[in-house]
Amino acid sequence: MAQTLTEMAVEVLTTPDGRAKTALSRAHAARWFAAHDSKTPIPVGQATPPQQPARPDAPELRDPRDVPKRKPGSPDGRKALLHAVAHIELNAVDLHWDLIARFGHVDMPPGFYDDWVKAADEESKHFNLVSDCLEAMGSHYGALPAHAGMWRAAEDTKDDILGRLAVVPMVLEARGLDVTPGMIEIFRKAGEDRAVDALEVIYSEEVSHVAYGSKWFHFLCGRDNRDPKPVFHDLVRTYFHGPLKPPFNEEKRAEAGLPPDFYWPLTETG
């Protein structure tokens, strides 16, 4: 019997190696979209994802306070910055497939799955672009310790699809829109053109991932006749640990469907 989409998602989540995980992710995404044009579309189904995705032996995962700080002005600092980006992108691959697998029981339109499969496919591409940059610089993903807290948002929201959409795309990925332009400038000043090109691809495509979060968050609130803004504020205060930190990329956030009155009130813990 052919795999369902949620079974495909679990297969990605249980693959430890980063390159193998992203290759499988991209293959499953291609299958999903190819099936749209066939007479046998892939059913969503239901499956049980692991509590945590499979991970390679390296990088060593540490408490955020124990991850060494490196100045991005040095070659080693720029490698460390790219390593952190690769780690974020690999976690994003798992977060998007986990959203599909964990909430397959929620009645959602077909476009919901199309959006998150596409997002997972793009995050897989991003991981490989950044890994290629690291290898061209004489390093690789796994060469440095990494942040152990990346999966916390998934664990905290494992039973709450609205909470997941609020915290992952609408807070964590929106943060990427704020910080990526500064990273691009660091690599541009250093003449690291390959890294600049990779980060510009990531920057342009992450807008749509934030937008998917906003779209489906508003859809679910509308279906339940709830006002999205106070619901968002309540969920972020429940699941996100600490206030949001400006400066914000207001232009790109607006492009993604996040108006300022959604996030500015969350800069205070009240």
C-alpha atoms as a PDB file:
ATOM      1  CA  MET A   1       0.000   0.000   0.000  1.00  0.00           C
ATOM      2  CA  ALA A   2       1.300   3.461  -0.917  1.00  0.00           C
ATOM      3  CA  GLN A   3       2.455   5.791   1.839  1.00  0.00           C
ATOM      4  CA  THR A   4       0.159   8.505   3.117  1.00  0.00           C
ATOM      5  CA  LEU A   5       1.481  12.049   3.502  1.00  0.00           C
ATOM      6  CA  THR A   6       1.659  11.716   7.280  1.00  0.00           C
ATOM      7  CA  GLU A   7       3.640   8.463   6.933  1.00  0.00           C
ATOM      8  CA  MET A   8       6.029  10.257   4.588  1.00  0.00           C
ATOM      9  CA  ALA A   9       6.391  12.969   7.211  1.00  0.00           C
ATOM     10  CA  VAL A  10       7.263  10.428   9.925  1.00  0.00           C
ATOM     11  CA  GLU A  11       9.850   8.846   7.629  1.00  0.00           C
ATOM     12  CA  VAL A  12      11.594  12.218   7.299  1.00  0.00           C
ATOM     13  CA  LEU A  13      11.395  12.816  11.048  1.00  0.00           C
ATOM     14  CA  THR A  14      12.973   9.438  11.833  1.00  0.00           C
ATOM     15  CA  THR A  15      15.919   9.889   9.415  1.00  0.00           C
ATOM     16  CA  PRO A  16      18.951  11.102  11.423  1.00  0.00           C
ATOM     17  CA  ASP A  17      21.532  12.299   8.854  1.00  0.00           C
ATOM     18  CA  GLY A  18      20.988  15.864   7.643  1.00  0.00           C
ATOM     19  CA  ARG A  19      21.785  15.227   3.988  1.00  0.00           C
ATOM     20  CA  ALA A  20      19.716  12.028   3.944  1.00  0.00           C
ATOM     21  CA  LYS A  21      16.828  13.711   5.777  1.00  0.00           C
ATOM     22  CA  THR A  22      16.700  16.614   3.332  1.00  0.00           C
ATOM     23  CA  ALA A  23      17.052  14.342   0.280  1.00  0.00           C
ATOM     24  CA  LEU A  24      14.082  12.291   1.507  1.00  0.00           C
ATOM     25  CA  SER A  25      12.146  15.462   2.307  1.00  0.00           C
ATOM     26  CA  ARG A  26      12.652  16.785  -1.217  1.00  0.00           C
ATOM     27  CA  ALA A  27      11.771  13.432  -2.796  1.00  0.00           C
ATOM     28  CA  HIS A  28       8.543  13.197  -0.794  1.00  0.00           C
ATOM     29  CA  ALA A  29       7.629  16.784  -1.676  1.00  0.00           C
ATOM     30  CA  ALA A  30       8.157  16.015  -5.374  1.00  0.00           C
ATOM     31  CA  ARG A  31       5.968  12.901  -5.033  1.00  0.00           C
ATOM     32  CA  TRP A  32       3.233  14.857  -3.273  1.00  0.00           C
ATOM     33  CA  PHE A  33       3.015  17.521  -5.971  1.00  0.00           C
ATOM     34  CA  ALA A  34       3.415  15.053  -8.841  1.00  0.00           C
ATOM     35  CA  ALA A  35       0.459  13.094  -7.476  1.00  0.00           C
ATOM     36  CA  HIS A  36      -1.715  16.205  -7.852  1.00  0.00           C
ATOM     37  CA  ASP A  37      -1.449  15.762 -11.618  1.00  0.00           C
ATOM     38  CA  SER A  38      -2.208  12.057 -11.518  1.00  0.00           C
ATOM     39  CA  LYS A  39      -5.460  10.211 -10.992  1.00  0.00           C
ATOM     40  CA  THR A  40      -4.214   8.768  -7.711  1.00  0.00           C
ATOM     41  CA  PRO A  41      -3.571  11.642  -5.260  1.00  0.00           C
ATOM     42  CA  ILE A  42      -1.766  10.768  -2.031  1.00  0.00           C
ATOM     43  CA  PRO A  43      -4.089  10.654   1.001  1.00  0.00           C
ATOM     44  CA  VAL A  44      -3.124  12.686   4.067  1.00  0.00           C
ATOM     45  CA  GLY A  45      -3.845   9.843   6.493  1.00  0.00           C
ATOM     46  CA  GLN A  46      -2.876   9.861  10.148  1.00  0.00           C
ATOM     47  CA  ALA A  47       0.398   8.840  11.758  1.00  0.00           C
ATOM     48  CA  THR A  48       2.202   9.211  15.073  1.00  0.00           C
ATOM     49  CA  PRO A  49       5.375  11.294  14.845  1.00  0.00           C
ATOM     50  CA  PRO A  50       8.258  10.783  17.283  1.00  0.00           C
ATOM     51  CA  GLN A  51       8.445  13.101  20.289  1.00  0.00           C
ATOM     52  CA  GLN A  52      11.776  14.317  18.918  1.00  0.00           C
ATOM     53  CA  PRO A  53      13.189  13.959  15.400  1.00  0.00           C
ATOM     54  CA  ALA A  54      16.127  11.667  14.785  1.00  0.00           C
ATOM     55  CA  ARG A  55      19.444  13.505  14.875  1.00  0.00           C
ATOM     56  CA  PRO A  56      23.000  12.679  13.764  1.00  0.00           C
ATOM     57  CA  ASP A  57      25.724  12.104  16.376  1.00  0.00           C
ATOM     58  CA  ALA A  58      27.124  15.550  15.552  1.00  0.00           C
ATOM     59  CA  PRO A  59      26.620  18.391  16.238  1.00  0.00           C
ATOM     60  CA  GLU A  60      26.727  18.075  19.995  1.00  0.00           C
ATOM     61  CA  LEU A  61      23.577  19.767  21.311  1.00  0.00           C
ATOM     62  CA  ARG A  62      24.131  22.114  24.251  1.00  0.00           C
ATOM     63  CA  ASP A  63      22.140  24.467  26.403  1.00  0.00           C
ATOM     64  CA  PRO A  64      22.034  27.847  24.597  1.00  0.00           C
ATOM     65  CA  ARG A  65      24.175  29.394  27.344  1.00  0.00           C
ATOM     66  CA  ASP A  66      26.900  26.838  26.646  1.00  0.00           C
ATOM     67  CA  VAL A  67      27.166  27.404  22.880  1.00  0.00           C
ATOM     68  CA  PRO A  68      30.379  29.414  22.307  1.00  0.00           C
ATOM     69  CA  LYS A  69      29.940  32.984  21.065  1.00  0.00           C
ATOM     70  CA  ARG A  70      32.106  33.885  18.086  1.00  0.00           C
ATOM     71  CA  LYS A  71      32.609  37.275  16.497  1.00  0.00           C
ATOM     72  CA  PRO A  72      31.267  37.219  12.920  1.00  0.00           C
ATOM     73  CA  GLY A  73      34.099  39.471  11.745  1.00  0.00           C
ATOM     74  CA  SER A  74      36.531  36.531  11.755  1.00  0.00           C
ATOM     75  CA  PRO A  75      36.566  33.549   9.367  1.00  0.00           C
ATOM     76  CA  ASP A  76      35.847  31.177  12.264  1.00  0.00           C
ATOM     77  CA  GLY A  77      33.039  33.444  13.400  1.00  0.00           C
ATOM     78  CA  ARG A  78      31.462  33.387   9.954  1.00  0.00           C
ATOM     79  CA  LYS A  79      31.684  29.588   9.873  1.00  0.00           C
ATOM     80  CA  ALA A  80      29.986  29.502  13.280  1.00  0.00           C
ATOM     81  CA  LEU A  81      27.236  31.809  12.014  1.00  0.00           C
ATOM     82  CA  LEU A  82      26.592  29.609   8.969  1.00  0.00           C
ATOM     83  CA  HIS A  83      26.661  26.504  11.163  1.00  0.00           C
ATOM     84  CA  ALA A  84      23.948  28.052  13.327  1.00  0.00           C
ATOM     85  CA  VAL A  85      21.886  28.823  10.193  1.00  0.00           C
ATOM     86  CA  ALA A  86      22.268  25.229   8.953  1.00  0.00           C
ATOM     87  CA  HIS A  87      21.058  23.972  12.348  1.00  0.00           C
ATOM     88  CA  ILE A  88      18.033  26.276  12.203  1.00  0.00           C
ATOM     89  CA  GLU A  89      17.180  25.133   8.670  1.00  0.00           C
ATOM     90  CA  LEU A  90      17.417  21.444   9.568  1.00  0.00           C
ATOM     91  CA  ASN A  91      15.139  21.989  12.540  1.00  0.00           C
ATOM     92  CA  ALA A  92      12.733  23.862  10.255  1.00  0.00           C
ATOM     93  CA  VAL A  93      12.550  20.820   7.943  1.00  0.00           C
ATOM     94  CA  ASP A  94      11.478  18.707  10.908  1.00  0.00           C
ATOM     95  CA  LEU A  95       9.114  21.345  12.285  1.00  0.00           C
ATOM     96  CA  HIS A  96       7.173  21.532   9.016  1.00  0.00           C
ATOM     97  CA  TRP A  97       6.922  17.758   8.576  1.00  0.00           C
ATOM     98  CA  ASP A  98       5.982  17.427  12.259  1.00  0.00           C
ATOM     99  CA  LEU A  99       3.156  19.937  11.755  1.00  0.00           C
ATOM    100  CA  ILE A 100       1.795  17.719   8.969  1.00  0.00           C
ATOM    101  CA  ALA A 101       2.214  14.455  10.880  1.00  0.00           C
ATOM    102  CA  ARG A 102       1.088  15.656  14.307  1.00  0.00           C
ATOM    103  CA  PHE A 103      -2.052  17.430  13.161  1.00  0.00           C
ATOM    104  CA  GLY A 104      -3.194  15.093  10.383  1.00  0.00           C
ATOM    105  CA  HIS A 105      -6.369  14.473  12.393  1.00  0.00           C
ATOM    106  CA  VAL A 106      -7.396  18.149  12.129  1.00  0.00           C
ATOM    107  CA  ASP A 107      -9.777  18.799   9.242  1.00  0.00           C
ATOM    108  CA  MET A 108      -7.862  21.196   6.977  1.00  0.00           C
ATOM    109  CA  PRO A 109      -8.199  22.175   3.301  1.00  0.00           C
ATOM    110  CA  PRO A 110      -5.767  20.621   0.757  1.00  0.00           C
ATOM    111  CA  GLY A 111      -3.905  23.925   0.478  1.00  0.00           C
ATOM    112  CA  PHE A 112      -2.711  23.592   4.071  1.00  0.00           C
ATOM    113  CA  TYR A 113      -0.716  20.495   3.174  1.00  0.00           C
ATOM    114  CA  ASP A 114       0.515  21.997  -0.092  1.00  0.00           C
ATOM    115  CA  ASP A 115       1.891  25.010   1.765  1.00  0.00           C
ATOM    116  CA  TRP A 116       3.753  23.060   4.446  1.00  0.00           C
ATOM    117  CA  VAL A 117       5.137  20.437   2.058  1.00  0.00           C
ATOM    118  CA  LYS A 118       6.456  23.303  -0.080  1.00  0.00           C
ATOM    119  CA  ALA A 119       7.917  24.986   3.005  1.00  0.00           C
ATOM    120  CA  ALA A 120       9.621  21.742   4.089  1.00  0.00           C
ATOM    121  CA  ASP A 121      11.028  21.316   0.579  1.00  0.00           C
ATOM    122  CA  GLU A 122      12.441  24.854   0.617  1.00  0.00           C
ATOM    123  CA  GLU A 123      13.935  24.440   4.106  1.00  0.00           C
ATOM    124  CA  SER A 124      15.621  21.265   2.826  1.00  0.00           C
ATOM    125  CA  LYS A 125      17.103  23.247  -0.046  1.00  0.00           C
ATOM    126  CA  HIS A 126      18.262  25.930   2.412  1.00  0.00           C
ATOM    127  CA  PHE A 127      20.028  23.385   4.631  1.00  0.00           C
ATOM    128  CA  ASN A 128      21.904  22.017   1.651  1.00  0.00           C
ATOM    129  CA  LEU A 129      22.854  25.470   0.341  1.00  0.00           C
ATOM    130  CA  VAL A 130      24.322  26.428   3.721  1.00  0.00           C
ATOM    131  CA  SER A 131      26.003  23.038   4.170  1.00  0.00           C
ATOM    132  CA  ASP A 132      27.612  23.465   0.752  1.00  0.00           C
ATOM    133  CA  CYS A 133      28.927  26.872   1.873  1.00  0.00           C
ATOM    134  CA  LEU A 134      30.379  25.372   5.044  1.00  0.00           C
ATOM    135  CA  GLU A 135      32.102  22.612   3.087  1.00  0.00           C
ATOM    136  CA  ALA A 136      33.521  25.138   0.622  1.00  0.00           C
ATOM    137  CA  MET A 137      34.985  26.964   3.655  1.00  0.00           C
ATOM    138  CA  GLY A 138      36.625  23.771   4.927  1.00  0.00           C
ATOM    139  CA  SER A 139      33.991  22.977   7.556  1.00  0.00           C
ATOM    140  CA  HIS A 140      30.743  20.999   7.681  1.00  0.00           C
ATOM    141  CA  TYR A 141      27.462  20.756   9.563  1.00  0.00           C
ATOM    142  CA  GLY A 142      28.264  18.976  12.826  1.00  0.00           C
ATOM    143  CA  ALA A 143      31.710  20.532  13.218  1.00  0.00           C
ATOM    144  CA  LEU A 144      30.547  22.825  16.044  1.00  0.00           C
ATOM    145  CA  PRO A 145      28.168  22.466  18.992  1.00  0.00           C
ATOM    146  CA  ALA A 146      24.609  23.679  18.422  1.00  0.00           C
ATOM    147  CA  HIS A 147      21.552  24.977  20.258  1.00  0.00           C
ATOM    148  CA  ALA A 148      19.630  22.208  22.062  1.00  0.00           C
ATOM    149  CA  GLY A 149      16.506  24.312  22.568  1.00  0.00           C
ATOM    150  CA  MET A 150      15.349  24.439  18.946  1.00  0.00           C
ATOM    151  CA  TRP A 151      12.753  21.692  19.397  1.00  0.00           C
ATOM    152  CA  ARG A 152      11.220  23.192  22.528  1.00  0.00           C
ATOM    153  CA  ALA A 153       8.532  25.080  20.569  1.00  0.00           C
ATOM    154  CA  ALA A 154       7.415  21.814  18.964  1.00  0.00           C
ATOM    155  CA  GLU A 155       7.220  19.998  22.300  1.00  0.00           C
ATOM    156  CA  ASP A 156       5.339  22.861  23.971  1.00  0.00           C
ATOM    157  CA  THR A 157       2.728  23.016  21.180  1.00  0.00           C
ATOM    158  CA  LYS A 158       2.392  19.311  20.387  1.00  0.00           C
ATOM    159  CA  ASP A 159      -1.330  19.346  21.245  1.00  0.00           C
ATOM    160  CA  ASP A 160      -2.206  22.818  19.949  1.00  0.00           C
ATOM    161  CA  ILE A 161      -2.198  23.537  16.220  1.00  0.00           C
ATOM    162  CA  LEU A 162      -2.965  27.244  16.759  1.00  0.00           C
ATOM    163  CA  GLY A 163      -0.120  27.474  19.249  1.00  0.00           C
ATOM    164  CA  ARG A 164       2.232  25.780  16.797  1.00  0.00           C
ATOM    165  CA  LEU A 165       1.326  28.198  13.998  1.00  0.00           C
ATOM    166  CA  ALA A 166       1.668  31.183  16.328  1.00  0.00           C
ATOM    167  CA  VAL A 167       5.068  30.279  17.742  1.00  0.00           C
ATOM    168  CA  VAL A 168       6.913  28.592  14.867  1.00  0.00           C
ATOM    169  CA  PRO A 169       6.177  30.500  11.651  1.00  0.00           C
ATOM    170  CA  MET A 170       4.719  33.686  13.154  1.00  0.00           C
ATOM    171  CA  VAL A 171       7.394  34.225  15.853  1.00  0.00           C
ATOM    172  CA  LEU A 172      10.497  32.107  15.208  1.00  0.00           C
ATOM    173  CA  GLU A 173      10.520  32.293  11.414  1.00  0.00           C
ATOM    174  CA  ALA A 174       9.473  35.945  11.490  1.00  0.00           C
ATOM    175  CA  ARG A 175      12.604  36.536  13.577  1.00  0.00           C
ATOM    176  CA  GLY A 176      14.595  35.257  10.626  1.00  0.00           C
ATOM    177  CA  LEU A 177      13.198  38.102   8.540  1.00  0.00           C
ATOM    178  CA  ASP A 178      14.563  40.535  11.138  1.00  0.00           C
ATOM    179  CA  VAL A 179      18.122  39.190  11.376  1.00  0.00           C
ATOM    180  CA  THR A 180      18.938  37.834   7.907  1.00  0.00           C
ATOM    181  CA  PRO A 181      19.656  41.205   6.215  1.00  0.00           C
ATOM    182  CA  GLY A 182      22.382  41.874   8.796  1.00  0.00           C
ATOM    183  CA  MET A 183      23.898  38.436   8.181  1.00  0.00           C
ATOM    184  CA  ILE A 184      23.911  39.027   4.426  1.00  0.00           C
ATOM    185  CA  GLU A 185      25.829  42.265   4.996  1.00  0.00           C
ATOM    186  CA  ILE A 186      28.446  40.488   7.144  1.00  0.00           C
ATOM    187  CA  PHE A 187      29.200  37.997   4.356  1.00  0.00           C
ATOM    188  CA  ARG A 188      29.033  40.655   1.647  1.00  0.00           C
ATOM    189  CA  LYS A 189      31.682  42.745   3.442  1.00  0.00           C
ATOM    190  CA  ALA A 190      33.868  39.629   3.750  1.00  0.00           C
ATOM    191  CA  GLY A 191      33.556  38.859   0.002  1.00  0.00           C
ATOM    192  CA  GLU A 192      31.838  35.529   0.739  1.00  0.00           C
ATOM    193  CA  ASP A 193      29.647  35.603  -2.368  1.00  0.00           C
ATOM    194  CA  ARG A 194      28.460  32.008  -2.092  1.00  0.00           C
ATOM    195  CA  ALA A 195      27.139  32.598   1.408  1.00  0.00           C
ATOM    196  CA  VAL A 196      25.503  35.863   0.295  1.00  0.00           C
ATOM    197  CA  ASP A 197      23.704  34.038  -2.514  1.00  0.00           C
ATOM    198  CA  ALA A 198      22.508  31.273  -0.155  1.00  0.00           C
ATOM    199  CA  LEU A 199      21.250  33.717   2.470  1.00  0.00           C
ATOM    200  CA  GLU A 200      19.445  35.798  -0.157  1.00  0.00           C
ATOM    201  CA  VAL A 201      17.565  32.681  -1.314  1.00  0.00           C
ATOM    202  CA  ILE A 202      16.645  31.914   2.290  1.00  0.00           C
ATOM    203  CA  TYR A 203      15.552  35.501   2.940  1.00  0.00           C
ATOM    204  CA  SER A 204      13.289  35.641  -0.108  1.00  0.00           C
ATOM    205  CA  GLU A 205      11.630  32.272   0.567  1.00  0.00           C
ATOM    206  CA  GLU A 206      11.154  32.617   4.324  1.00  0.00           C
ATOM    207  CA  VAL A 207       8.608  35.390   3.768  1.00  0.00           C
ATOM    208  CA  SER A 208       6.183  32.833   2.328  1.00  0.00           C
ATOM    209  CA  HIS A 209       6.682  30.486   5.302  1.00  0.00           C
ATOM    210  CA  VAL A 210       5.699  33.238   7.725  1.00  0.00           C
ATOM    211  CA  ALA A 211       2.778  34.032   5.426  1.00  0.00           C
ATOM    212  CA  TYR A 212       1.601  30.397   5.504  1.00  0.00           C
ATOM    213  CA  GLY A 213       1.565  30.572   9.282  1.00  0.00           C
ATOM    214  CA  SER A 214      -0.435  33.789   9.288  1.00  0.00           C
ATOM    215  CA  LYS A 215      -2.862  32.517   6.636  1.00  0.00           C
ATOM    216  CA  TRP A 216      -3.717  29.260   8.408  1.00  0.00           C
ATOM    217  CA  PHE A 217      -3.764  30.889  11.835  1.00  0.00           C
ATOM    218  CA  HIS A 218      -6.364  33.357  10.565  1.00  0.00           C
ATOM    219  CA  PHE A 219      -8.249  30.537   8.819  1.00  0.00           C
ATOM    220  CA  LEU A 220      -8.585  28.522  12.044  1.00  0.00           C
ATOM    221  CA  CYS A 221      -9.551  31.582  14.087  1.00  0.00           C
ATOM    222  CA  GLY A 222     -12.162  32.490  11.472  1.00  0.00           C
ATOM    223  CA  ARG A 223     -13.561  28.975  11.453  1.00  0.00           C
ATOM    224  CA  ASP A 224     -14.071  29.206  15.214  1.00  0.00           C
ATOM    225  CA  ASN A 225     -15.275  32.830  15.044  1.00  0.00           C
ATOM    226  CA  ARG A 226     -12.372  34.077  17.183  1.00  0.00           C
ATOM    227  CA  ASP A 227     -10.510  37.383  16.917  1.00  0.00           C
ATOM    228  CA  PRO A 228      -6.983  36.441  15.726  1.00  0.00           C
ATOM    229  CA  LYS A 229      -5.015  39.235  17.435  1.00  0.00           C
ATOM    230  CA  PRO A 230      -5.854  38.552  21.113  1.00  0.00           C
ATOM    231  CA  VAL A 231      -5.686  34.795  20.439  1.00  0.00           C
ATOM    232  CA  PHE A 232      -2.171  35.267  19.003  1.00  0.00           C
ATOM    233  CA  HIS A 233      -1.078  37.372  21.969  1.00  0.00           C
ATOM    234  CA  ASP A 234      -2.386  34.810  24.461  1.00  0.00           C
ATOM    235  CA  LEU A 235      -0.750  31.880  22.681  1.00  0.00           C
ATOM    236  CA  VAL A 236       2.641  33.557  22.321  1.00  0.00           C
ATOM    237  CA  ARG A 237       2.612  34.547  25.993  1.00  0.00           C
ATOM    238  CA  THR A 238       1.731  30.940  26.859  1.00  0.00           C
ATOM    239  CA  TYR A 239       4.230  29.117  24.664  1.00  0.00           C
ATOM    240  CA  PHE A 240       7.058  31.544  23.870  1.00  0.00           C
ATOM    241  CA  HIS A 241       9.518  32.102  26.663  1.00  0.00           C
ATOM    242  CA  GLY A 242      10.218  35.809  27.085  1.00  0.00           C
ATOM    243  CA  PRO A 243       9.283  39.005  25.230  1.00  0.00           C
ATOM    244  CA  LEU A 244       9.847  39.560  21.501  1.00  0.00           C
ATOM    245  CA  LYS A 245      12.905  41.679  20.798  1.00  0.00           C
ATOM    246  CA  PRO A 246      13.005  44.561  18.321  1.00  0.00           C
ATOM    247  CA  PRO A 247      14.192  45.813  15.883  1.00  0.00           C
ATOM    248  CA  PHE A 248      11.620  44.257  13.548  1.00  0.00           C
ATOM    249  CA  ASN A 249      11.674  44.063   9.765  1.00  0.00           C
ATOM    250  CA  GLU A 250       8.269  45.696   9.521  1.00  0.00           C
ATOM    251  CA  GLU A 251       8.206  45.746   5.717  1.00  0.00           C
ATOM    252  CA  LYS A 252       8.810  42.010   5.289  1.00  0.00           C
ATOM    253  CA  ARG A 253       6.577  41.141   8.231  1.00  0.00           C
ATOM    254  CA  ALA A 254       3.745  43.127   6.630  1.00  0.00           C
ATOM    255  CA  GLU A 255       4.403  41.344   3.323  1.00  0.00           C
ATOM    256  CA  ALA A 256       3.941  38.066   5.226  1.00  0.00           C
ATOM    257  CA  GLY A 257       0.650  39.178   6.775  1.00  0.00           C
ATOM    258  CA  LEU A 258       1.970  40.200  10.200  1.00  0.00           C
ATOM    259  CA  PRO A 259       0.859  43.742  11.111  1.00  0.00           C
ATOM    260  CA  PRO A 260       2.737  45.636  13.858  1.00  0.00           C
ATOM    261  CA  ASP A 261      -0.123  45.397  16.355  1.00  0.00           C
ATOM    262  CA  PHE A 262       0.396  41.628  16.411  1.00  0.00           C
ATOM    263  CA  TYR A 263       4.006  41.707  17.609  1.00  0.00           C
ATOM    264  CA  TRP A 264       4.816  45.074  19.184  1.00  0.00           C
ATOM    265  CA  PRO A 265       2.600  44.433  22.263  1.00  0.00           C
ATOM    266  CA  LEU A 266       4.621  41.248  22.854  1.00  0.00           C
ATOM    267  CA  THR A 267       7.859  43.195  23.384  1.00  0.00           C
ATOM    268  CA  GLU A 268       6.703  43.509  26.997  1.00  0.00           C
ATOM    269  CA  THR A 269       5.875  40.554  29.198  1.00  0.00           C
ATOM    270  CA  GLY A 270       2.657  42.064  30.542  1.00  0.00           C
END
